[in-house]
Amino acid sequence: MAYTFLLASFFGASLLIALRFLVPRTQRYLDESTIFVLSAITIPAFVVLAFMIGKYSLFPLRGVVTMNVHSCCAQALLFPKKQIPALIEHLRGIGAGQTDMMIEEYADQTGKQRLAMGKQVV
């Protein structure tokens, strides 16, 4: 994560310094302290903001997408009727826990696909 901030800061500072030397009108506004503040504080703050917003807010899913790994926090789950009894049996066998993670475990064990919808429908 630290490399992300360093890379973004370095790239931003390089771009601002190049802009300062290539466009003479910007020398008045892009002094050393301004470049430092922009590249050391502002750019890392926007990187943090991008991580806080989340990848699905920045790049939303389109349509129905297979999401067999790195999925969590389901708002709604849909199952074919014939698969419900086996799922209930699995959940009762475990007892207690985070339901979405227990269903993930069940899907991994039985080879079921997990699909995510691009638009929120719940």
N, C-alpha and C. Protein backbone atom coordinates (compact mmCIF):
# COMPACT_ATOMS: atom_id res chain seq x y z
N MET A 1 0.82 -1.19 0.00
CA MET A 1 0.00 0.00 0.00
C MET A 1 0.87 1.26 0.00
N ALA A 2 1.97 1.21 0.74
CA ALA A 2 2.86 2.37 0.80
C ALA A 2 3.46 2.66 -0.57
N TYR A 3 3.71 1.59 -1.33
CA TYR A 3 4.26 1.80 -2.68
C TYR A 3 3.27 2.52 -3.58
N THR A 4 1.99 2.28 -3.36
CA THR A 4 0.97 2.98 -4.15
C THR A 4 1.04 4.47 -3.91
N PHE A 5 1.16 4.87 -2.64
CA PHE A 5 1.25 6.30 -2.32
C PHE A 5 2.54 6.90 -2.88
N LEU A 6 3.65 6.19 -2.71
CA LEU A 6 4.93 6.69 -3.23
C LEU A 6 4.91 6.83 -4.74
N LEU A 7 4.38 5.84 -5.42
CA LEU A 7 4.31 5.89 -6.87
C LEU A 7 3.42 7.02 -7.35
N ALA A 8 2.25 7.18 -6.72
CA ALA A 8 1.35 8.26 -7.11
C ALA A 8 1.96 9.62 -6.83
N SER A 9 2.62 9.76 -5.68
CA SER A 9 3.27 11.04 -5.34
C SER A 9 4.41 11.35 -6.30
N PHE A 10 5.22 10.34 -6.59
CA PHE A 10 6.35 10.54 -7.51
C PHE A 10 5.85 10.91 -8.90
N PHE A 11 4.85 10.19 -9.39
CA PHE A 11 4.31 10.48 -10.71
C PHE A 11 3.70 11.88 -10.76
N GLY A 12 2.94 12.24 -9.72
CA GLY A 12 2.34 13.57 -9.67
C GLY A 12 3.37 14.67 -9.61
N ALA A 13 4.42 14.49 -8.78
CA ALA A 13 5.48 15.50 -8.69
C ALA A 13 6.22 15.62 -10.01
N SER A 14 6.50 14.49 -10.65
CA SER A 14 7.19 14.52 -11.95
C SER A 14 6.37 15.24 -12.99
N LEU A 15 5.07 14.96 -13.00
CA LEU A 15 4.19 15.62 -13.96
C LEU A 15 4.13 17.13 -13.71
N LEU A 16 4.02 17.53 -12.45
CA LEU A 16 3.96 18.96 -12.13
C LEU A 16 5.27 19.67 -12.44
N ILE A 17 6.39 19.03 -12.16
CA ILE A 17 7.70 19.64 -12.47
C ILE A 17 7.88 19.76 -13.98
N ALA A 18 7.49 18.74 -14.72
CA ALA A 18 7.58 18.80 -16.18
C ALA A 18 6.67 19.90 -16.72
N LEU A 19 5.47 20.01 -16.17
CA LEU A 19 4.55 21.05 -16.59
C LEU A 19 5.12 22.44 -16.31
N ARG A 20 5.78 22.57 -15.17
CA ARG A 20 6.36 23.87 -14.79
C ARG A 20 7.45 24.30 -15.79
N PHE A 21 8.26 23.33 -16.23
CA PHE A 21 9.35 23.69 -17.14
C PHE A 21 8.91 23.77 -18.60
N LEU A 22 7.90 23.03 -18.98
CA LEU A 22 7.47 23.03 -20.38
C LEU A 22 6.48 24.14 -20.71
N VAL A 23 5.73 24.60 -19.71
CA VAL A 23 4.76 25.67 -19.93
C VAL A 23 5.17 26.84 -19.05
N PRO A 24 5.81 27.85 -19.60
CA PRO A 24 6.35 28.95 -18.80
C PRO A 24 5.31 29.70 -17.97
N ARG A 25 4.07 29.76 -18.43
CA ARG A 25 3.04 30.48 -17.68
C ARG A 25 2.76 29.86 -16.32
N THR A 26 3.06 28.57 -16.15
CA THR A 26 2.76 27.89 -14.90
C THR A 26 3.82 28.11 -13.83
N GLN A 27 4.96 28.69 -14.17
CA GLN A 27 6.04 28.89 -13.20
C GLN A 27 5.59 29.79 -12.05
N ARG A 28 4.69 30.71 -12.36
CA ARG A 28 4.19 31.63 -11.35
C ARG A 28 3.35 30.91 -10.29
N TYR A 29 2.65 29.86 -10.71
CA TYR A 29 1.73 29.16 -9.81
C TYR A 29 2.31 27.88 -9.22
N LEU A 30 3.20 27.23 -9.96
CA LEU A 30 3.77 25.97 -9.51
C LEU A 30 5.17 26.16 -8.93
N ASP A 31 5.24 26.78 -7.78
CA ASP A 31 6.54 26.91 -7.12
C ASP A 31 6.82 25.62 -6.34
N GLU A 32 7.97 25.53 -5.71
CA GLU A 32 8.38 24.30 -5.04
C GLU A 32 7.43 23.88 -3.92
N SER A 33 6.97 24.86 -3.15
CA SER A 33 6.07 24.52 -2.04
C SER A 33 4.72 24.02 -2.54
N THR A 34 4.21 24.59 -3.62
CA THR A 34 2.94 24.13 -4.19
C THR A 34 3.07 22.71 -4.71
N ILE A 35 4.15 22.44 -5.42
CA ILE A 35 4.38 21.09 -5.94
C ILE A 35 4.50 20.10 -4.79
N PHE A 36 5.18 20.51 -3.71
CA PHE A 36 5.33 19.62 -2.55
C PHE A 36 3.98 19.31 -1.92
N VAL A 37 3.16 20.34 -1.70
CA VAL A 37 1.86 20.13 -1.07
C VAL A 37 0.97 19.26 -1.95
N LEU A 38 0.96 19.52 -3.24
CA LEU A 38 0.14 18.73 -4.14
C LEU A 38 0.58 17.27 -4.19
N SER A 39 1.89 17.03 -4.27
CA SER A 39 2.37 15.66 -4.43
C SER A 39 2.50 14.91 -3.11
N ALA A 40 2.68 15.59 -1.99
CA ALA A 40 2.86 14.90 -0.71
C ALA A 40 1.58 14.79 0.11
N ILE A 41 0.61 15.67 -0.14
CA ILE A 41 -0.61 15.65 0.66
C ILE A 41 -1.85 15.39 -0.20
N THR A 42 -2.03 16.19 -1.23
CA THR A 42 -3.27 16.12 -2.01
C THR A 42 -3.40 14.82 -2.80
N ILE A 43 -2.36 14.43 -3.52
CA ILE A 43 -2.44 13.21 -4.32
C ILE A 43 -2.62 11.98 -3.44
N PRO A 44 -1.85 11.79 -2.36
CA PRO A 44 -2.12 10.63 -1.49
C PRO A 44 -3.52 10.66 -0.87
N ALA A 45 -4.04 11.86 -0.58
CA ALA A 45 -5.40 11.95 -0.03
C ALA A 45 -6.43 11.45 -1.05
N PHE A 46 -6.24 11.77 -2.31
CA PHE A 46 -7.15 11.28 -3.34
C PHE A 46 -7.00 9.78 -3.57
N VAL A 47 -5.80 9.25 -3.40
CA VAL A 47 -5.60 7.79 -3.49
C VAL A 47 -6.37 7.10 -2.36
N VAL A 48 -6.27 7.64 -1.14
CA VAL A 48 -7.02 7.08 -0.01
C VAL A 48 -8.52 7.15 -0.29
N LEU A 49 -8.97 8.26 -0.83
CA LEU A 49 -10.38 8.43 -1.15
C LEU A 49 -10.84 7.40 -2.17
N ALA A 50 -10.02 7.13 -3.18
CA ALA A 50 -10.37 6.12 -4.18
C ALA A 50 -10.51 4.75 -3.55
N PHE A 51 -9.61 4.40 -2.62
CA PHE A 51 -9.72 3.11 -1.93
C PHE A 51 -10.94 3.07 -1.03
N MET A 52 -11.27 4.17 -0.40
CA MET A 52 -12.43 4.21 0.49
C MET A 52 -13.74 4.09 -0.28
N ILE A 53 -13.78 4.67 -1.46
CA ILE A 53 -14.99 4.60 -2.28
C ILE A 53 -15.25 3.16 -2.71
N GLY A 54 -14.21 2.45 -3.09
CA GLY A 54 -14.35 1.06 -3.49
C GLY A 54 -14.38 0.90 -5.00
N LYS A 55 -13.88 -0.26 -5.42
CA LYS A 55 -13.75 -0.48 -6.86
C LYS A 55 -15.10 -0.60 -7.56
N TYR A 56 -16.14 -1.10 -6.88
CA TYR A 56 -17.42 -1.25 -7.55
C TYR A 56 -18.18 0.06 -7.66
N SER A 57 -17.80 1.06 -6.87
CA SER A 57 -18.38 2.39 -7.04
C SER A 57 -17.69 3.12 -8.19
N LEU A 58 -16.38 2.90 -8.33
CA LEU A 58 -15.65 3.55 -9.42
C LEU A 58 -15.86 2.86 -10.76
N PHE A 59 -15.91 1.52 -10.72
CA PHE A 59 -16.07 0.72 -11.94
C PHE A 59 -17.20 -0.27 -11.72
N PRO A 60 -18.46 0.17 -11.86
CA PRO A 60 -19.59 -0.71 -11.55
C PRO A 60 -19.67 -1.90 -12.49
N LEU A 61 -20.25 -2.98 -11.97
CA LEU A 61 -20.46 -4.18 -12.77
C LEU A 61 -21.55 -3.91 -13.80
N ARG A 62 -21.48 -4.64 -14.89
CA ARG A 62 -22.50 -4.52 -15.94
C ARG A 62 -23.13 -5.89 -16.15
N GLY A 63 -24.44 -5.98 -15.98
CA GLY A 63 -25.14 -7.24 -16.20
C GLY A 63 -24.90 -8.24 -15.08
N VAL A 64 -24.99 -9.52 -15.41
CA VAL A 64 -24.75 -10.60 -14.45
C VAL A 64 -23.32 -11.08 -14.65
N VAL A 65 -22.55 -11.10 -13.56
CA VAL A 65 -21.13 -11.41 -13.63
C VAL A 65 -20.82 -12.55 -12.66
N THR A 66 -19.98 -13.51 -13.11
CA THR A 66 -19.54 -14.58 -12.22
C THR A 66 -18.58 -13.99 -11.19
N MET A 67 -18.85 -14.28 -9.91
CA MET A 67 -18.01 -13.75 -8.84
C MET A 67 -17.72 -14.88 -7.85
N ASN A 68 -16.88 -15.81 -8.28
CA ASN A 68 -16.58 -16.98 -7.45
C ASN A 68 -15.50 -16.72 -6.42
N VAL A 69 -14.74 -15.67 -6.56
CA VAL A 69 -13.72 -15.32 -5.57
C VAL A 69 -13.88 -13.86 -5.18
N HIS A 70 -13.45 -13.53 -3.98
CA HIS A 70 -13.47 -12.16 -3.46
C HIS A 70 -14.87 -11.55 -3.46
N SER A 71 -15.84 -12.35 -3.11
CA SER A 71 -17.19 -11.80 -2.97
C SER A 71 -17.58 -11.90 -1.50
N CYS A 72 -18.36 -10.96 -1.05
CA CYS A 72 -18.83 -10.99 0.34
C CYS A 72 -19.98 -10.03 0.49
N CYS A 73 -20.50 -10.02 1.68
CA CYS A 73 -21.48 -9.02 2.08
C CYS A 73 -22.70 -9.00 1.17
N ALA A 74 -23.30 -10.17 0.96
CA ALA A 74 -24.45 -10.27 0.08
C ALA A 74 -25.65 -9.57 0.69
N GLN A 75 -26.35 -8.80 -0.12
CA GLN A 75 -27.58 -8.16 0.34
C GLN A 75 -28.77 -9.06 0.11
N ALA A 76 -28.69 -9.88 -0.91
CA ALA A 76 -29.77 -10.82 -1.21
C ALA A 76 -29.17 -12.02 -1.94
N LEU A 77 -29.70 -13.19 -1.65
CA LEU A 77 -29.21 -14.41 -2.28
C LEU A 77 -30.38 -15.12 -2.93
N LEU A 78 -30.17 -15.61 -4.16
CA LEU A 78 -31.20 -16.33 -4.89
C LEU A 78 -30.70 -17.74 -5.17
N PHE A 79 -31.60 -18.72 -4.97
CA PHE A 79 -31.24 -20.12 -5.19
C PHE A 79 -32.36 -20.81 -5.94
N PRO A 80 -32.02 -21.78 -6.79
CA PRO A 80 -33.07 -22.63 -7.36
C PRO A 80 -33.72 -23.45 -6.25
N LYS A 81 -35.01 -23.69 -6.38
CA LYS A 81 -35.78 -24.38 -5.34
C LYS A 81 -35.18 -25.74 -4.98
N LYS A 82 -34.68 -26.46 -5.96
CA LYS A 82 -34.19 -27.81 -5.70
C LYS A 82 -32.88 -27.83 -4.91
N GLN A 83 -32.16 -26.69 -4.83
CA GLN A 83 -30.91 -26.64 -4.07
C GLN A 83 -31.10 -26.19 -2.62
N ILE A 84 -32.26 -25.69 -2.29
CA ILE A 84 -32.52 -25.16 -0.95
C ILE A 84 -32.37 -26.21 0.16
N PRO A 85 -32.93 -27.44 0.01
CA PRO A 85 -32.80 -28.41 1.11
C PRO A 85 -31.34 -28.74 1.46
N ALA A 86 -30.48 -28.91 0.47
CA ALA A 86 -29.07 -29.21 0.74
C ALA A 86 -28.38 -28.03 1.42
N LEU A 87 -28.73 -26.83 1.02
CA LEU A 87 -28.14 -25.64 1.65
C LEU A 87 -28.59 -25.51 3.10
N ILE A 88 -29.87 -25.74 3.35
CA ILE A 88 -30.38 -25.68 4.72
C ILE A 88 -29.68 -26.72 5.59
N GLU A 89 -29.50 -27.92 5.05
CA GLU A 89 -28.81 -28.98 5.79
C GLU A 89 -27.39 -28.55 6.13
N HIS A 90 -26.69 -27.94 5.19
CA HIS A 90 -25.32 -27.47 5.43
C HIS A 90 -25.30 -26.39 6.51
N LEU A 91 -26.19 -25.42 6.42
CA LEU A 91 -26.22 -24.33 7.40
C LEU A 91 -26.58 -24.84 8.80
N ARG A 92 -27.49 -25.79 8.89
CA ARG A 92 -27.85 -26.37 10.21
C ARG A 92 -26.68 -27.16 10.77
N GLY A 93 -25.92 -27.80 9.90
CA GLY A 93 -24.77 -28.58 10.35
C GLY A 93 -23.68 -27.69 10.95
N ILE A 94 -23.52 -26.52 10.42
CA ILE A 94 -22.52 -25.58 10.95
C ILE A 94 -23.01 -24.95 12.25
N GLY A 95 -24.25 -24.58 12.29
CA GLY A 95 -24.81 -23.98 13.50
C GLY A 95 -24.89 -22.48 13.41
N ALA A 96 -23.82 -21.78 13.77
CA ALA A 96 -23.84 -20.32 13.79
C ALA A 96 -22.61 -19.78 13.07
N GLY A 97 -22.73 -18.56 12.60
CA GLY A 97 -21.62 -17.90 11.92
C GLY A 97 -22.15 -16.84 10.98
N GLN A 98 -21.26 -16.31 10.17
CA GLN A 98 -21.66 -15.31 9.18
C GLN A 98 -22.28 -16.05 8.00
N THR A 99 -23.54 -15.79 7.77
CA THR A 99 -24.30 -16.56 6.79
C THR A 99 -23.69 -16.48 5.39
N ASP A 100 -23.28 -15.28 4.97
CA ASP A 100 -22.72 -15.18 3.62
C ASP A 100 -21.43 -15.98 3.48
N MET A 101 -20.62 -16.02 4.52
CA MET A 101 -19.38 -16.79 4.46
C MET A 101 -19.66 -18.29 4.50
N MET A 102 -20.68 -18.70 5.25
CA MET A 102 -21.05 -20.11 5.30
C MET A 102 -21.59 -20.57 3.94
N ILE A 103 -22.32 -19.71 3.26
CA ILE A 103 -22.83 -20.05 1.94
C ILE A 103 -21.68 -20.07 0.93
N GLU A 104 -20.71 -19.18 1.08
CA GLU A 104 -19.49 -19.22 0.24
C GLU A 104 -18.79 -20.57 0.39
N GLU A 105 -18.64 -21.01 1.63
CA GLU A 105 -18.00 -22.29 1.92
C GLU A 105 -18.78 -23.44 1.28
N TYR A 106 -20.10 -23.39 1.38
CA TYR A 106 -20.95 -24.42 0.77
C TYR A 106 -20.76 -24.43 -0.75
N ALA A 107 -20.74 -23.25 -1.36
CA ALA A 107 -20.58 -23.16 -2.81
C ALA A 107 -19.20 -23.69 -3.24
N ASP A 108 -18.17 -23.41 -2.44
CA ASP A 108 -16.84 -23.94 -2.76
C ASP A 108 -16.82 -25.46 -2.67
N GLN A 109 -17.46 -26.02 -1.64
CA GLN A 109 -17.45 -27.47 -1.44
C GLN A 109 -18.25 -28.21 -2.51
N THR A 110 -19.33 -27.60 -2.98
CA THR A 110 -20.20 -28.28 -3.94
C THR A 110 -19.96 -27.85 -5.39
N GLY A 111 -19.05 -26.91 -5.60
CA GLY A 111 -18.75 -26.47 -6.96
C GLY A 111 -19.82 -25.60 -7.59
N LYS A 112 -20.56 -24.88 -6.80
CA LYS A 112 -21.62 -23.99 -7.32
C LYS A 112 -21.03 -22.66 -7.77
N GLN A 113 -21.67 -22.07 -8.74
CA GLN A 113 -21.27 -20.75 -9.24
C GLN A 113 -21.93 -19.67 -8.40
N ARG A 114 -21.21 -18.55 -8.20
CA ARG A 114 -21.78 -17.38 -7.56
C ARG A 114 -21.85 -16.28 -8.62
N LEU A 115 -23.02 -15.71 -8.76
CA LEU A 115 -23.23 -14.65 -9.75
C LEU A 115 -23.61 -13.37 -9.03
N ALA A 116 -23.12 -12.27 -9.55
CA ALA A 116 -23.46 -10.95 -9.00
C ALA A 116 -24.19 -10.15 -10.08
N MET A 117 -25.19 -9.40 -9.66
CA MET A 117 -25.93 -8.57 -10.60
C MET A 117 -25.31 -7.18 -10.63
N GLY A 118 -25.21 -6.62 -11.83
CA GLY A 118 -24.58 -5.32 -12.00
C GLY A 118 -25.35 -4.19 -11.35
N LYS A 119 -26.64 -4.22 -11.40
CA LYS A 119 -27.45 -3.17 -10.76
C LYS A 119 -27.99 -3.70 -9.45
N GLN A 120 -28.08 -2.84 -8.47
CA GLN A 120 -28.68 -3.22 -7.21
C GLN A 120 -30.19 -3.37 -7.41
N VAL A 121 -30.72 -4.52 -7.07
CA VAL A 121 -32.15 -4.74 -7.24
C VAL A 121 -32.86 -4.92 -5.90
N VAL A 122 -32.11 -4.89 -4.81
CA VAL A 122 -32.70 -5.08 -3.49
C VAL A 122 -32.76 -3.73 -2.79
